[in-house]
Amino acid sequence: MLLVGLSGSLGSGKSTVGSALAARGAAVIDTDRVARDVLAPGHPGAQAVLEHFGPEVRGPDGSIDRQALAAIVFADPDQRVVLEAISHPLVHKEVSRRVAELGDAVIVVEIPLLDAACRDQYGFDVVVLVEVQPDIALRRAVGRGMTEDDARARMAAQPSAAQRRQVADRILGNDGARADLEGAVDELWDWLQAQGSHS
């Protein structure tokens, strides 16, 4: 088994790279989706979030209003720390369970906020960073329906490019065309398989 951490800022194309690796045979776990699962109605994580953040983050159906919650935590670093203290251990536990089930494979965990502590916690063998110029990342985020203010707030809350590079074993630039990225992913996949054969 080779456990790969895949990181990148908002708008970097991290999920695109994850999908491309999945198409080549990797097992991919998206921590954003896991976070939705562990904060789903009826889960203890959801109850803890609703107890702390109150009725303003409760949707009409009783679930967490993710947009309302994001507006709070990306405007207030202290509140973001509270949310992370609730959700991160639950996400880590669920990712670990899924990794154990997958067994002998190249397993890619998409995780936006990947720093040195996170690498140690998950025990990644390899960390891959998808990089893009900030103006391109912002344009992509806005193109997906996010307001510019929301996108800037989220980008400001994430680790800096320098912090990301400190834990990265491979860096993929994604400023260009999709065809260029596909070629880079081909090279990355060959490299990952070689790493897996040595682990």
N, C-alpha and C. Protein backbone atom coordinates (compact mmCIF):
# COMPACT_ATOMS: atom_id res chain seq x y z
N MET A 1 0.84 -1.20 0.00
CA MET A 1 0.00 0.00 0.00
C MET A 1 0.88 1.25 0.00
N LEU A 2 0.46 2.24 -0.74
CA LEU A 2 1.09 3.56 -0.72
C LEU A 2 0.01 4.57 -0.37
N LEU A 3 0.22 5.31 0.74
CA LEU A 3 -0.76 6.30 1.18
C LEU A 3 -0.28 7.68 0.77
N VAL A 4 -1.07 8.33 -0.08
CA VAL A 4 -0.68 9.59 -0.71
C VAL A 4 -1.59 10.71 -0.22
N GLY A 5 -1.01 11.78 0.27
CA GLY A 5 -1.77 12.99 0.58
C GLY A 5 -1.77 13.90 -0.62
N LEU A 6 -2.93 14.33 -1.06
CA LEU A 6 -3.06 15.22 -2.22
C LEU A 6 -3.64 16.54 -1.74
N SER A 7 -2.88 17.61 -1.89
CA SER A 7 -3.29 18.90 -1.36
C SER A 7 -3.21 19.97 -2.43
N GLY A 8 -3.82 21.10 -2.11
CA GLY A 8 -3.81 22.24 -3.02
C GLY A 8 -4.80 23.27 -2.53
N SER A 9 -4.56 24.51 -2.86
CA SER A 9 -5.44 25.58 -2.42
C SER A 9 -6.79 25.51 -3.13
N LEU A 10 -7.72 26.30 -2.66
CA LEU A 10 -8.99 26.47 -3.36
C LEU A 10 -8.71 26.89 -4.80
N GLY A 11 -9.35 26.21 -5.76
CA GLY A 11 -9.18 26.57 -7.17
C GLY A 11 -7.91 26.05 -7.81
N SER A 12 -7.15 25.20 -7.09
CA SER A 12 -5.88 24.70 -7.65
C SER A 12 -6.10 23.59 -8.67
N GLY A 13 -7.23 22.90 -8.57
CA GLY A 13 -7.46 21.74 -9.43
C GLY A 13 -7.14 20.43 -8.73
N LYS A 14 -7.08 20.46 -7.41
CA LYS A 14 -6.77 19.26 -6.62
C LYS A 14 -7.76 18.13 -6.93
N SER A 15 -9.05 18.45 -6.97
CA SER A 15 -10.05 17.42 -7.24
C SER A 15 -9.94 16.89 -8.66
N THR A 16 -9.54 17.75 -9.59
CA THR A 16 -9.33 17.30 -10.97
C THR A 16 -8.20 16.29 -11.02
N VAL A 17 -7.12 16.56 -10.29
CA VAL A 17 -6.00 15.63 -10.22
C VAL A 17 -6.44 14.34 -9.54
N GLY A 18 -7.23 14.45 -8.46
CA GLY A 18 -7.73 13.26 -7.79
C GLY A 18 -8.54 12.39 -8.73
N SER A 19 -9.42 13.00 -9.52
CA SER A 19 -10.23 12.24 -10.48
C SER A 19 -9.36 11.59 -11.55
N ALA A 20 -8.32 12.31 -11.98
CA ALA A 20 -7.42 11.76 -12.99
C ALA A 20 -6.64 10.57 -12.44
N LEU A 21 -6.24 10.64 -11.17
CA LEU A 21 -5.54 9.51 -10.56
C LEU A 21 -6.49 8.32 -10.37
N ALA A 22 -7.73 8.61 -10.03
CA ALA A 22 -8.73 7.53 -9.89
C ALA A 22 -8.92 6.82 -11.23
N ALA A 23 -8.93 7.59 -12.32
CA ALA A 23 -9.09 6.99 -13.65
C ALA A 23 -7.92 6.09 -14.01
N ARG A 24 -6.78 6.31 -13.38
CA ARG A 24 -5.58 5.50 -13.64
C ARG A 24 -5.44 4.33 -12.67
N GLY A 25 -6.36 4.24 -11.72
CA GLY A 25 -6.35 3.07 -10.84
C GLY A 25 -6.18 3.34 -9.36
N ALA A 26 -6.01 4.59 -8.98
CA ALA A 26 -5.86 4.91 -7.56
C ALA A 26 -7.22 4.82 -6.86
N ALA A 27 -7.18 4.49 -5.58
CA ALA A 27 -8.37 4.60 -4.73
C ALA A 27 -8.32 5.98 -4.08
N VAL A 28 -9.35 6.79 -4.29
CA VAL A 28 -9.33 8.18 -3.85
C VAL A 28 -10.37 8.42 -2.76
N ILE A 29 -9.94 9.06 -1.69
CA ILE A 29 -10.83 9.45 -0.59
C ILE A 29 -10.80 10.98 -0.51
N ASP A 30 -11.95 11.61 -0.64
CA ASP A 30 -12.07 13.07 -0.60
C ASP A 30 -12.50 13.47 0.81
N THR A 31 -11.63 14.15 1.55
CA THR A 31 -11.96 14.49 2.94
C THR A 31 -13.09 15.52 3.03
N ASP A 32 -13.32 16.31 1.98
CA ASP A 32 -14.47 17.21 2.00
C ASP A 32 -15.77 16.41 2.05
N ARG A 33 -15.83 15.33 1.27
CA ARG A 33 -17.02 14.48 1.28
C ARG A 33 -17.14 13.73 2.61
N VAL A 34 -16.00 13.29 3.14
CA VAL A 34 -16.03 12.62 4.45
C VAL A 34 -16.55 13.57 5.51
N ALA A 35 -16.11 14.84 5.44
CA ALA A 35 -16.57 15.85 6.41
C ALA A 35 -18.08 16.02 6.33
N ARG A 36 -18.65 15.98 5.12
CA ARG A 36 -20.10 16.07 4.99
C ARG A 36 -20.77 14.86 5.65
N ASP A 37 -20.15 13.69 5.46
CA ASP A 37 -20.72 12.47 6.03
C ASP A 37 -20.74 12.52 7.56
N VAL A 38 -19.62 12.95 8.15
CA VAL A 38 -19.54 12.91 9.62
C VAL A 38 -20.33 14.04 10.27
N LEU A 39 -20.77 15.02 9.47
CA LEU A 39 -21.62 16.09 9.99
C LEU A 39 -23.05 15.97 9.48
N ALA A 40 -23.39 14.78 9.01
CA ALA A 40 -24.75 14.54 8.50
C ALA A 40 -25.74 14.45 9.67
N PRO A 41 -27.02 14.71 9.40
CA PRO A 41 -28.03 14.63 10.46
C PRO A 41 -27.98 13.30 11.20
N GLY A 42 -28.08 13.37 12.52
CA GLY A 42 -28.05 12.17 13.34
C GLY A 42 -26.68 11.76 13.81
N HIS A 43 -25.64 12.32 13.19
CA HIS A 43 -24.27 11.99 13.60
C HIS A 43 -23.88 12.87 14.78
N PRO A 44 -23.10 12.33 15.74
CA PRO A 44 -22.68 13.15 16.89
C PRO A 44 -21.97 14.44 16.50
N GLY A 45 -21.24 14.42 15.38
CA GLY A 45 -20.57 15.63 14.93
C GLY A 45 -21.55 16.73 14.59
N ALA A 46 -22.64 16.36 13.94
CA ALA A 46 -23.66 17.35 13.59
C ALA A 46 -24.28 17.95 14.84
N GLN A 47 -24.55 17.10 15.82
CA GLN A 47 -25.15 17.58 17.06
C GLN A 47 -24.21 18.56 17.77
N ALA A 48 -22.92 18.24 17.78
CA ALA A 48 -21.94 19.12 18.43
C ALA A 48 -21.86 20.48 17.73
N VAL A 49 -21.90 20.47 16.39
CA VAL A 49 -21.86 21.72 15.63
C VAL A 49 -23.10 22.56 15.92
N LEU A 50 -24.27 21.93 15.91
CA LEU A 50 -25.51 22.66 16.13
C LEU A 50 -25.57 23.20 17.56
N GLU A 51 -25.04 22.45 18.52
CA GLU A 51 -25.04 22.92 19.91
C GLU A 51 -24.15 24.14 20.08
N HIS A 52 -23.01 24.14 19.40
CA HIS A 52 -22.08 25.27 19.56
C HIS A 52 -22.49 26.49 18.75
N PHE A 53 -22.84 26.27 17.47
CA PHE A 53 -23.07 27.41 16.57
C PHE A 53 -24.51 27.91 16.58
N GLY A 54 -25.42 27.11 17.10
CA GLY A 54 -26.78 27.59 17.30
C GLY A 54 -27.68 27.48 16.09
N PRO A 55 -28.90 28.02 16.22
CA PRO A 55 -29.94 27.85 15.19
C PRO A 55 -29.61 28.49 13.85
N GLU A 56 -28.68 29.47 13.84
CA GLU A 56 -28.38 30.12 12.56
C GLU A 56 -27.69 29.21 11.56
N VAL A 57 -27.16 28.05 12.03
CA VAL A 57 -26.54 27.11 11.08
C VAL A 57 -27.42 25.87 10.88
N ARG A 58 -28.66 25.91 11.39
CA ARG A 58 -29.58 24.79 11.20
C ARG A 58 -30.46 25.05 9.98
N GLY A 59 -30.41 24.14 9.01
CA GLY A 59 -31.23 24.28 7.81
C GLY A 59 -32.68 23.94 8.09
N PRO A 60 -33.58 24.23 7.13
CA PRO A 60 -35.02 23.97 7.31
C PRO A 60 -35.32 22.50 7.60
N ASP A 61 -34.48 21.58 7.09
CA ASP A 61 -34.72 20.15 7.30
C ASP A 61 -34.00 19.61 8.53
N GLY A 62 -33.37 20.51 9.30
CA GLY A 62 -32.67 20.09 10.51
C GLY A 62 -31.20 19.78 10.30
N SER A 63 -30.76 19.75 9.04
CA SER A 63 -29.35 19.50 8.76
C SER A 63 -28.55 20.79 8.93
N ILE A 64 -27.22 20.66 8.84
CA ILE A 64 -26.37 21.84 8.96
C ILE A 64 -26.41 22.63 7.66
N ASP A 65 -26.66 23.92 7.77
CA ASP A 65 -26.59 24.82 6.62
C ASP A 65 -25.11 25.15 6.41
N ARG A 66 -24.51 24.46 5.45
CA ARG A 66 -23.05 24.55 5.27
C ARG A 66 -22.61 25.96 4.85
N GLN A 67 -23.44 26.65 4.08
CA GLN A 67 -23.10 28.02 3.67
C GLN A 67 -23.09 28.97 4.86
N ALA A 68 -24.08 28.83 5.72
CA ALA A 68 -24.14 29.68 6.92
C ALA A 68 -22.97 29.38 7.85
N LEU A 69 -22.64 28.10 7.98
CA LEU A 69 -21.51 27.72 8.83
C LEU A 69 -20.20 28.26 8.27
N ALA A 70 -20.03 28.15 6.95
CA ALA A 70 -18.81 28.65 6.31
C ALA A 70 -18.68 30.16 6.50
N ALA A 71 -19.79 30.87 6.39
CA ALA A 71 -19.74 32.32 6.56
C ALA A 71 -19.23 32.70 7.94
N ILE A 72 -19.60 31.90 8.95
CA ILE A 72 -19.15 32.18 10.32
C ILE A 72 -17.67 31.85 10.49
N VAL A 73 -17.28 30.65 10.08
CA VAL A 73 -15.92 30.19 10.42
C VAL A 73 -14.84 30.85 9.57
N PHE A 74 -15.18 31.28 8.37
CA PHE A 74 -14.16 31.95 7.56
C PHE A 74 -14.06 33.44 7.88
N ALA A 75 -14.99 33.93 8.68
CA ALA A 75 -14.91 35.32 9.15
C ALA A 75 -14.29 35.42 10.53
N ASP A 76 -14.23 34.31 11.25
CA ASP A 76 -13.76 34.32 12.64
C ASP A 76 -12.82 33.13 12.87
N PRO A 77 -11.51 33.38 12.94
CA PRO A 77 -10.55 32.27 13.12
C PRO A 77 -10.82 31.45 14.38
N ASP A 78 -11.29 32.07 15.44
CA ASP A 78 -11.56 31.32 16.67
C ASP A 78 -12.68 30.31 16.46
N GLN A 79 -13.70 30.72 15.73
CA GLN A 79 -14.80 29.80 15.45
C GLN A 79 -14.36 28.68 14.50
N ARG A 80 -13.44 29.00 13.61
CA ARG A 80 -12.92 27.95 12.71
C ARG A 80 -12.16 26.90 13.51
N VAL A 81 -11.42 27.34 14.53
CA VAL A 81 -10.69 26.40 15.39
C VAL A 81 -11.68 25.47 16.11
N VAL A 82 -12.80 26.02 16.56
CA VAL A 82 -13.82 25.21 17.23
C VAL A 82 -14.37 24.15 16.27
N LEU A 83 -14.72 24.58 15.06
CA LEU A 83 -15.25 23.64 14.08
C LEU A 83 -14.24 22.54 13.77
N GLU A 84 -12.98 22.93 13.59
CA GLU A 84 -11.94 21.93 13.29
C GLU A 84 -11.76 20.95 14.45
N ALA A 85 -11.87 21.46 15.69
CA ALA A 85 -11.73 20.58 16.85
C ALA A 85 -12.85 19.54 16.90
N ILE A 86 -14.02 19.91 16.39
CA ILE A 86 -15.14 18.97 16.32
C ILE A 86 -14.97 18.00 15.16
N SER A 87 -14.69 18.55 13.98
CA SER A 87 -14.77 17.73 12.76
C SER A 87 -13.50 16.95 12.44
N HIS A 88 -12.32 17.52 12.68
CA HIS A 88 -11.10 16.86 12.22
C HIS A 88 -10.89 15.46 12.82
N PRO A 89 -11.08 15.27 14.14
CA PRO A 89 -10.91 13.90 14.66
C PRO A 89 -11.88 12.91 14.05
N LEU A 90 -13.11 13.36 13.78
CA LEU A 90 -14.11 12.48 13.18
C LEU A 90 -13.73 12.12 11.75
N VAL A 91 -13.23 13.12 11.01
CA VAL A 91 -12.80 12.88 9.63
C VAL A 91 -11.61 11.91 9.61
N HIS A 92 -10.65 12.15 10.49
CA HIS A 92 -9.46 11.29 10.54
C HIS A 92 -9.85 9.84 10.85
N LYS A 93 -10.75 9.66 11.79
CA LYS A 93 -11.18 8.31 12.17
C LYS A 93 -11.85 7.61 10.99
N GLU A 94 -12.72 8.33 10.26
CA GLU A 94 -13.42 7.73 9.13
C GLU A 94 -12.48 7.45 7.97
N VAL A 95 -11.55 8.37 7.70
CA VAL A 95 -10.57 8.13 6.63
C VAL A 95 -9.72 6.90 6.97
N SER A 96 -9.29 6.79 8.22
CA SER A 96 -8.48 5.64 8.63
C SER A 96 -9.24 4.34 8.45
N ARG A 97 -10.54 4.36 8.75
CA ARG A 97 -11.36 3.16 8.56
C ARG A 97 -11.43 2.78 7.08
N ARG A 98 -11.61 3.77 6.21
CA ARG A 98 -11.71 3.49 4.78
C ARG A 98 -10.37 3.02 4.22
N VAL A 99 -9.28 3.60 4.68
CA VAL A 99 -7.95 3.17 4.24
C VAL A 99 -7.73 1.71 4.60
N ALA A 100 -8.10 1.33 5.83
CA ALA A 100 -7.92 -0.05 6.27
C ALA A 100 -8.72 -1.02 5.41
N GLU A 101 -9.90 -0.60 4.98
CA GLU A 101 -10.74 -1.45 4.14
C GLU A 101 -10.15 -1.62 2.74
N LEU A 102 -9.48 -0.59 2.24
CA LEU A 102 -8.96 -0.63 0.87
C LEU A 102 -7.74 -1.53 0.75
N GLY A 103 -6.93 -1.59 1.81
CA GLY A 103 -5.81 -2.52 1.82
C GLY A 103 -4.71 -2.17 0.84
N ASP A 104 -4.30 -3.15 0.02
CA ASP A 104 -3.10 -3.02 -0.79
C ASP A 104 -3.40 -2.27 -2.08
N ALA A 105 -3.16 -0.98 -2.08
CA ALA A 105 -3.45 -0.14 -3.26
C ALA A 105 -2.68 1.16 -3.13
N VAL A 106 -2.70 1.93 -4.23
CA VAL A 106 -2.28 3.33 -4.13
C VAL A 106 -3.52 4.10 -3.68
N ILE A 107 -3.48 4.60 -2.46
CA ILE A 107 -4.63 5.28 -1.87
C ILE A 107 -4.31 6.76 -1.78
N VAL A 108 -5.15 7.58 -2.41
CA VAL A 108 -4.96 9.02 -2.45
C VAL A 108 -6.01 9.68 -1.56
N VAL A 109 -5.55 10.48 -0.59
CA VAL A 109 -6.45 11.19 0.29
C VAL A 109 -6.39 12.67 -0.07
N GLU A 110 -7.49 13.20 -0.63
CA GLU A 110 -7.56 14.63 -0.95
C GLU A 110 -7.83 15.39 0.34
N ILE A 111 -6.92 16.30 0.68
CA ILE A 111 -7.06 17.02 1.94
C ILE A 111 -6.54 18.44 1.76
N PRO A 112 -7.42 19.44 1.78
CA PRO A 112 -7.00 20.81 1.48
C PRO A 112 -5.96 21.37 2.45
N LEU A 113 -6.17 21.16 3.75
CA LEU A 113 -5.32 21.79 4.76
C LEU A 113 -4.27 20.80 5.23
N LEU A 114 -3.24 20.60 4.40
CA LEU A 114 -2.25 19.58 4.70
C LEU A 114 -0.95 20.25 5.11
N ASP A 115 -0.67 20.22 6.41
CA ASP A 115 0.60 20.75 6.92
C ASP A 115 1.40 19.59 7.52
N ALA A 116 2.52 19.90 8.17
CA ALA A 116 3.39 18.86 8.70
C ALA A 116 2.69 18.02 9.76
N ALA A 117 1.90 18.68 10.62
CA ALA A 117 1.19 17.94 11.67
C ALA A 117 0.16 16.98 11.06
N CYS A 118 -0.50 17.43 10.02
CA CYS A 118 -1.49 16.60 9.34
C CYS A 118 -0.81 15.41 8.67
N ARG A 119 0.34 15.65 8.06
CA ARG A 119 1.07 14.54 7.42
C ARG A 119 1.42 13.47 8.45
N ASP A 120 1.89 13.91 9.60
CA ASP A 120 2.25 12.95 10.65
C ASP A 120 1.03 12.21 11.16
N GLN A 121 -0.08 12.94 11.33
CA GLN A 121 -1.30 12.32 11.87
C GLN A 121 -1.80 11.21 10.96
N TYR A 122 -1.82 11.46 9.67
CA TYR A 122 -2.34 10.48 8.73
C TYR A 122 -1.29 9.44 8.33
N GLY A 123 -0.02 9.76 8.52
CA GLY A 123 1.03 8.83 8.15
C GLY A 123 1.23 8.69 6.65
N PHE A 124 1.11 9.81 5.93
CA PHE A 124 1.27 9.75 4.47
C PHE A 124 2.69 9.32 4.09
N ASP A 125 2.78 8.42 3.11
CA ASP A 125 4.08 8.04 2.57
C ASP A 125 4.61 9.11 1.63
N VAL A 126 3.69 9.76 0.93
CA VAL A 126 4.02 10.76 -0.09
C VAL A 126 2.99 11.87 -0.04
N VAL A 127 3.43 13.11 -0.22
CA VAL A 127 2.50 14.23 -0.33
C VAL A 127 2.70 14.90 -1.69
N VAL A 128 1.58 15.07 -2.41
CA VAL A 128 1.58 15.72 -3.72
C VAL A 128 0.83 17.04 -3.59
N LEU A 129 1.44 18.10 -4.06
CA LEU A 129 0.84 19.44 -4.00
C LEU A 129 0.49 19.91 -5.41
N VAL A 130 -0.76 20.34 -5.59
CA VAL A 130 -1.18 20.95 -6.85
C VAL A 130 -1.12 22.46 -6.66
N GLU A 131 -0.33 23.12 -7.49
CA GLU A 131 -0.12 24.57 -7.35
C GLU A 131 -0.68 25.32 -8.54
N VAL A 132 -1.13 26.55 -8.26
CA VAL A 132 -1.65 27.42 -9.31
C VAL A 132 -1.44 28.86 -8.85
N GLN A 133 -1.31 29.77 -9.79
CA GLN A 133 -1.17 31.18 -9.43
C GLN A 133 -2.45 31.65 -8.74
N PRO A 134 -2.33 32.50 -7.70
CA PRO A 134 -3.51 32.92 -6.94
C PRO A 134 -4.61 33.56 -7.78
N ASP A 135 -4.24 34.34 -8.80
CA ASP A 135 -5.27 34.98 -9.60
C ASP A 135 -6.07 33.95 -10.41
N ILE A 136 -5.39 32.90 -10.86
CA ILE A 136 -6.09 31.83 -11.59
C ILE A 136 -6.99 31.06 -10.65
N ALA A 137 -6.49 30.77 -9.44
CA ALA A 137 -7.29 30.05 -8.44
C ALA A 137 -8.55 30.83 -8.10
N LEU A 138 -8.39 32.14 -7.94
CA LEU A 138 -9.54 32.99 -7.61
C LEU A 138 -10.56 32.98 -8.74
N ARG A 139 -10.09 33.09 -9.96
CA ARG A 139 -10.99 33.09 -11.12
C ARG A 139 -11.74 31.76 -11.22
N ARG A 140 -11.06 30.67 -10.96
CA ARG A 140 -11.73 29.36 -11.03
C ARG A 140 -12.79 29.23 -9.93
N ALA A 141 -12.47 29.68 -8.72
CA ALA A 141 -13.42 29.59 -7.61
C ALA A 141 -14.67 30.42 -7.90
N VAL A 142 -14.46 31.61 -8.42
CA VAL A 142 -15.60 32.48 -8.76
C VAL A 142 -16.41 31.86 -9.90
N GLY A 143 -15.70 31.24 -10.83
CA GLY A 143 -16.37 30.58 -11.96
C GLY A 143 -17.24 29.42 -11.53
N ARG A 144 -16.96 28.86 -10.35
CA ARG A 144 -17.77 27.75 -9.82
C ARG A 144 -18.94 28.26 -8.97
N GLY A 145 -19.12 29.58 -8.93
CA GLY A 145 -20.27 30.13 -8.24
C GLY A 145 -20.00 30.78 -6.90
N MET A 146 -18.74 30.80 -6.48
CA MET A 146 -18.41 31.42 -5.20
C MET A 146 -18.23 32.92 -5.40
N THR A 147 -18.61 33.72 -4.42
CA THR A 147 -18.36 35.16 -4.54
C THR A 147 -16.87 35.42 -4.36
N GLU A 148 -16.39 36.52 -4.90
CA GLU A 148 -14.97 36.83 -4.78
C GLU A 148 -14.56 37.01 -3.32
N ASP A 149 -15.42 37.65 -2.53
CA ASP A 149 -15.10 37.85 -1.10
C ASP A 149 -15.00 36.52 -0.38
N ASP A 150 -15.92 35.61 -0.64
CA ASP A 150 -15.88 34.29 0.01
C ASP A 150 -14.62 33.53 -0.41
N ALA A 151 -14.30 33.59 -1.69
CA ALA A 151 -13.11 32.87 -2.18
C ALA A 151 -11.84 33.43 -1.54
N ARG A 152 -11.74 34.76 -1.47
CA ARG A 152 -10.55 35.36 -0.85
C ARG A 152 -10.45 34.98 0.64
N ALA A 153 -11.58 34.95 1.34
CA ALA A 153 -11.57 34.60 2.76
C ALA A 153 -11.10 33.17 2.95
N ARG A 154 -11.57 32.28 2.11
CA ARG A 154 -11.18 30.86 2.24
C ARG A 154 -9.70 30.67 1.90
N MET A 155 -9.26 31.36 0.86
CA MET A 155 -7.85 31.24 0.48
C MET A 155 -6.94 31.78 1.58
N ALA A 156 -7.38 32.87 2.23
CA ALA A 156 -6.57 33.47 3.30
C ALA A 156 -6.48 32.54 4.52
N ALA A 157 -7.51 31.70 4.70
CA ALA A 157 -7.54 30.80 5.87
C ALA A 157 -6.70 29.55 5.66
N GLN A 158 -6.27 29.29 4.43
CA GLN A 158 -5.54 28.07 4.14
C GLN A 158 -4.04 28.28 4.33
N PRO A 159 -3.27 27.19 4.48
CA PRO A 159 -1.81 27.33 4.60
C PRO A 159 -1.24 28.07 3.40
N SER A 160 -0.14 28.79 3.62
CA SER A 160 0.50 29.52 2.53
C SER A 160 1.17 28.55 1.56
N ALA A 161 1.52 29.06 0.39
CA ALA A 161 2.21 28.23 -0.59
C ALA A 161 3.52 27.70 -0.02
N ALA A 162 4.22 28.53 0.73
CA ALA A 162 5.50 28.10 1.33
C ALA A 162 5.28 26.97 2.34
N GLN A 163 4.22 27.09 3.15
CA GLN A 163 3.91 26.04 4.13
C GLN A 163 3.57 24.74 3.43
N ARG A 164 2.83 24.83 2.34
CA ARG A 164 2.46 23.62 1.60
C ARG A 164 3.70 22.95 1.01
N ARG A 165 4.58 23.76 0.44
CA ARG A 165 5.77 23.19 -0.21
C ARG A 165 6.67 22.46 0.78
N GLN A 166 6.68 22.92 2.03
CA GLN A 166 7.54 22.29 3.03
C GLN A 166 7.22 20.82 3.25
N VAL A 167 5.98 20.41 3.02
CA VAL A 167 5.61 19.02 3.26
C VAL A 167 5.42 18.23 1.97
N ALA A 168 5.62 18.87 0.82
CA ALA A 168 5.34 18.22 -0.47
C ALA A 168 6.56 17.46 -0.98
N ASP A 169 6.30 16.25 -1.49
CA ASP A 169 7.34 15.46 -2.15
C ASP A 169 7.33 15.69 -3.66
N ARG A 170 6.16 16.01 -4.19
CA ARG A 170 6.02 16.31 -5.62
C ARG A 170 5.08 17.50 -5.77
N ILE A 171 5.38 18.36 -6.73
CA ILE A 171 4.54 19.53 -7.00
C ILE A 171 4.09 19.48 -8.46
N LEU A 172 2.78 19.62 -8.67
CA LEU A 172 2.22 19.69 -10.02
C LEU A 172 1.72 21.11 -10.26
N GLY A 173 2.27 21.76 -11.27
CA GLY A 173 1.76 23.07 -11.65
C GLY A 173 0.51 22.92 -12.50
N ASN A 174 -0.51 23.72 -12.22
CA ASN A 174 -1.77 23.61 -12.96
C ASN A 174 -2.23 24.97 -13.47
N ASP A 175 -1.29 25.73 -14.00
CA ASP A 175 -1.63 27.03 -14.57
C ASP A 175 -2.06 26.94 -16.03
N GLY A 176 -1.77 25.81 -16.66
CA GLY A 176 -1.98 25.72 -18.11
C GLY A 176 -3.23 24.96 -18.51
N ALA A 177 -3.15 24.32 -19.67
CA ALA A 177 -4.30 23.62 -20.26
C ALA A 177 -4.50 22.26 -19.61
N ARG A 178 -5.70 21.72 -19.77
CA ARG A 178 -6.01 20.40 -19.20
C ARG A 178 -5.09 19.32 -19.77
N ALA A 179 -4.76 19.44 -21.05
CA ALA A 179 -3.88 18.44 -21.66
C ALA A 179 -2.51 18.42 -20.99
N ASP A 180 -2.02 19.59 -20.59
CA ASP A 180 -0.74 19.66 -19.89
C ASP A 180 -0.84 18.96 -18.54
N LEU A 181 -1.96 19.17 -17.86
CA LEU A 181 -2.15 18.54 -16.56
C LEU A 181 -2.23 17.03 -16.70
N GLU A 182 -2.92 16.55 -17.72
CA GLU A 182 -3.03 15.10 -17.92
C GLU A 182 -1.65 14.47 -18.13
N GLY A 183 -0.79 15.16 -18.87
CA GLY A 183 0.57 14.66 -19.06
C GLY A 183 1.33 14.60 -17.75
N ALA A 184 1.16 15.63 -16.93
CA ALA A 184 1.83 15.66 -15.63
C ALA A 184 1.31 14.56 -14.72
N VAL A 185 0.01 14.28 -14.80
CA VAL A 185 -0.57 13.21 -13.98
C VAL A 185 -0.07 11.85 -14.44
N ASP A 186 0.12 11.67 -15.75
CA ASP A 186 0.71 10.42 -16.25
C ASP A 186 2.08 10.18 -15.61
N GLU A 187 2.91 11.21 -15.60
CA GLU A 187 4.24 11.09 -14.99
C GLU A 187 4.14 10.82 -13.50
N LEU A 188 3.20 11.54 -12.84
CA LEU A 188 3.01 11.34 -11.40
C LEU A 188 2.57 9.91 -11.11
N TRP A 189 1.65 9.38 -11.89
CA TRP A 189 1.14 8.03 -11.66
C TRP A 189 2.26 6.99 -11.80
N ASP A 190 3.10 7.16 -12.81
CA ASP A 190 4.23 6.24 -12.98
C ASP A 190 5.14 6.31 -11.75
N TRP A 191 5.37 7.53 -11.25
CA TRP A 191 6.24 7.73 -10.09
C TRP A 191 5.62 7.11 -8.84
N LEU A 192 4.31 7.30 -8.66
CA LEU A 192 3.64 6.74 -7.49
C LEU A 192 3.69 5.20 -7.51
N GLN A 193 3.48 4.63 -8.67
CA GLN A 193 3.55 3.18 -8.74
C GLN A 193 4.95 2.66 -8.42
N ALA A 194 5.96 3.40 -8.85
CA ALA A 194 7.34 3.03 -8.51
C ALA A 194 7.57 3.14 -7.00
N GLN A 195 7.04 4.20 -6.40
CA GLN A 195 7.17 4.35 -4.95
C GLN A 195 6.48 3.21 -4.22
N GLY A 196 5.32 2.83 -4.71
CA GLY A 196 4.56 1.76 -4.08
C GLY A 196 5.28 0.42 -4.14
N SER A 197 5.99 0.20 -5.23
CA SER A 197 6.70 -1.07 -5.37
C SER A 197 7.90 -1.17 -4.43
N HIS A 198 8.35 0.00 -3.94
CA HIS A 198 9.51 0.02 -3.04
C HIS A 198 9.09 0.04 -1.58
N SER A 199 7.78 0.30 -1.34
CA SER A 199 7.34 0.45 0.05
C SER A 199 7.03 -0.89 0.70
